[in-house]
Amino acid sequence: MLKNAGYTVRLSESECLKQILMILFHMWRGKQVRPKDVNSEIHYETEQYFHFHYRIDTMDWLQFWETWGGIQDLEYGSFGHDFCFQLPEFLWSWISIEHSPAALEFEKELEEEEYQEELAKGKDDPYLQDNSKRDYQDRHWF
């Protein structure tokens, strides 16, 4: 699912499986488990986070759990039900933003949008337009 969405995970498949099993084990024991915030130093952090949840949306998760949710421990009312809701957050913490085509493409879009906003700054503000005309006239009057 992550690969189809254009994301790359920093961990190997065996390491991901090990982490998932550890999370399930700790939740089974009643311990509070939280993902480590490893993507907090990236550029456009909030935008990337929401873009991740946009690319892998609720329908994708429903389809995923229809396929893999037949495990009795993941049924509603058990500890695994909480795991189902927390898994996207753990996956987000394992994503390698620097090596994910979807994240890099989105970052380029954001940078281009930011650049276009900088270029357009003042073009729609009549006060700034008037000042820039006067400034030009003042500099070229003599």
Protein backbone atom coordinates (compact mmCIF):
# COMPACT_ATOMS: atom_id res chain seq x y z
CA MET A 1 0.00 0.00 0.00
CA LEU A 2 2.79 2.45 0.85
CA LYS A 3 4.72 1.65 -2.33
CA ASN A 4 1.58 2.10 -4.43
CA ALA A 5 1.08 5.51 -2.85
CA GLY A 6 4.68 6.50 -3.68
CA TYR A 7 6.23 6.23 -0.23
CA THR A 8 9.39 4.48 0.89
CA VAL A 9 9.93 3.13 4.38
CA ARG A 10 13.27 3.59 6.18
CA LEU A 11 13.02 0.16 7.80
CA SER A 12 13.45 -3.22 6.15
CA GLU A 13 10.41 -5.47 5.79
CA SER A 14 11.59 -7.68 8.65
CA GLU A 15 12.18 -4.63 10.85
CA CYS A 16 8.68 -3.32 10.05
CA LEU A 17 7.17 -6.66 10.96
CA LYS A 18 9.18 -6.74 14.19
CA GLN A 19 8.01 -3.22 15.08
CA ILE A 20 4.37 -4.05 14.33
CA LEU A 21 4.52 -7.15 16.50
CA MET A 22 6.12 -5.18 19.34
CA ILE A 23 3.39 -2.55 19.10
CA LEU A 24 0.70 -5.25 19.19
CA PHE A 25 2.39 -6.92 22.15
CA HIS A 26 2.62 -3.69 24.16
CA MET A 27 -1.00 -2.83 23.37
CA TRP A 28 -2.06 -6.32 24.40
CA ARG A 29 -0.32 -5.77 27.74
CA GLY A 30 -2.23 -2.49 28.12
CA LYS A 31 0.74 -0.17 27.68
CA GLN A 32 0.40 3.14 25.89
CA VAL A 33 2.44 3.09 22.69
CA ARG A 34 3.24 6.21 20.71
CA PRO A 35 5.16 6.57 17.45
CA LYS A 36 8.49 8.36 17.54
CA ASP A 37 8.29 11.70 15.79
CA VAL A 38 11.12 11.22 13.30
CA ASN A 39 9.68 13.33 10.48
CA SER A 40 9.57 16.50 12.56
CA GLU A 41 12.68 18.00 10.97
CA ILE A 42 11.45 17.90 7.38
CA HIS A 43 10.57 20.89 5.27
CA TYR A 44 6.78 21.42 5.02
CA GLU A 45 6.21 18.96 7.88
CA THR A 46 2.50 19.66 8.41
CA GLU A 47 1.74 19.74 4.71
CA GLN A 48 3.60 16.46 4.15
CA TYR A 49 1.71 14.83 7.02
CA PHE A 50 -1.68 15.82 5.61
CA HIS A 51 -0.59 14.84 2.10
CA PHE A 52 0.33 11.37 3.39
CA HIS A 53 -3.16 10.99 4.84
CA TYR A 54 -4.65 12.33 1.61
CA ARG A 55 -2.79 9.81 -0.56
CA ILE A 56 -3.61 6.91 1.77
CA ASP A 57 -7.14 7.80 2.78
CA THR A 58 -9.90 6.10 4.74
CA MET A 59 -11.03 4.02 1.79
CA ASP A 60 -7.52 2.60 1.36
CA TRP A 61 -7.44 1.66 5.05
CA LEU A 62 -10.88 0.07 4.87
CA GLN A 63 -9.74 -2.04 1.94
CA PHE A 64 -6.52 -2.92 3.78
CA TRP A 65 -8.40 -4.06 6.90
CA GLU A 66 -10.90 -6.04 4.81
CA THR A 67 -7.93 -8.00 3.52
CA TRP A 68 -5.87 -8.25 6.71
CA GLY A 69 -8.39 -7.61 9.46
CA GLY A 70 -9.61 -11.18 9.78
CA ILE A 71 -7.35 -11.73 12.76
CA GLN A 72 -9.49 -12.18 15.85
CA ASP A 73 -7.36 -9.83 17.94
CA LEU A 74 -8.10 -6.94 15.56
CA GLU A 75 -11.86 -7.14 15.94
CA TYR A 76 -13.89 -4.32 17.44
CA GLY A 77 -13.73 -4.21 21.22
CA SER A 78 -10.28 -5.77 21.53
CA PHE A 79 -6.90 -4.09 22.01
CA GLY A 80 -6.22 -4.62 18.32
CA HIS A 81 -9.00 -2.28 17.36
CA ASP A 82 -6.95 0.59 18.81
CA PHE A 83 -3.98 -0.71 16.85
CA CYS A 84 -5.96 -0.39 13.61
CA PHE A 85 -6.43 3.32 14.25
CA GLN A 86 -2.85 3.93 15.33
CA LEU A 87 -1.10 2.01 12.55
CA PRO A 88 -1.20 4.96 10.07
CA GLU A 89 0.62 7.14 12.62
CA PHE A 90 3.33 4.52 13.08
CA LEU A 91 3.71 4.13 9.33
CA TRP A 92 4.05 7.89 8.97
CA SER A 93 6.90 7.82 11.51
CA TRP A 94 8.67 5.13 9.45
CA ILE A 95 8.42 6.94 6.10
CA SER A 96 11.61 8.18 4.50
CA ILE A 97 10.54 11.55 3.12
CA GLU A 98 13.89 12.12 1.40
CA HIS A 99 13.50 8.91 -0.64
CA SER A 100 9.75 8.87 -1.28
CA PRO A 101 8.74 9.99 -4.79
CA ALA A 102 5.30 11.16 -3.61
CA ALA A 103 6.81 13.35 -0.89
CA LEU A 104 9.49 14.80 -3.16
CA GLU A 105 6.96 15.58 -5.87
CA PHE A 106 4.68 17.25 -3.34
CA GLU A 107 7.59 19.29 -1.95
CA LYS A 108 8.41 20.54 -5.46
CA GLU A 109 4.76 21.57 -5.90
CA LEU A 110 4.83 23.46 -2.62
CA GLU A 111 8.10 25.20 -3.50
CA GLU A 112 6.72 26.20 -6.91
CA GLU A 113 3.55 27.51 -5.28
CA GLU A 114 5.63 29.47 -2.77
CA TYR A 115 7.75 30.89 -5.60
CA GLN A 116 4.65 31.93 -7.57
CA GLU A 117 3.23 33.62 -4.48
CA GLU A 118 6.47 35.58 -4.06
CA LEU A 119 6.32 36.69 -7.69
CA ALA A 120 2.69 37.73 -7.38
CA LYS A 121 3.25 39.61 -4.14
CA GLY A 122 2.01 43.15 -4.54
CA LYS A 123 0.53 42.67 -8.01
CA ASP A 124 -3.01 42.53 -6.69
CA ASP A 125 -2.60 45.24 -4.07
CA PRO A 126 -3.45 48.66 -5.58
CA TYR A 127 -1.59 50.52 -2.82
CA LEU A 128 1.65 48.66 -3.54
CA GLN A 129 1.18 49.08 -7.29
CA ASP A 130 0.69 52.82 -6.89
CA ASN A 131 3.79 53.07 -4.67
CA SER A 132 5.91 51.12 -7.11
CA LYS A 133 4.81 53.41 -9.98
CA ARG A 134 5.61 56.49 -7.95
CA ASP A 135 8.93 55.03 -6.90
CA TYR A 136 9.78 54.32 -10.53
CA GLN A 137 8.74 57.84 -11.54
CA ASP A 138 10.73 59.38 -8.69
CA ARG A 139 13.86 57.50 -9.66
CA HIS A 140 13.56 58.35 -13.36
CA TRP A 141 12.28 61.91 -13.14
CA PHE A 142 15.64 63.55 -13.75
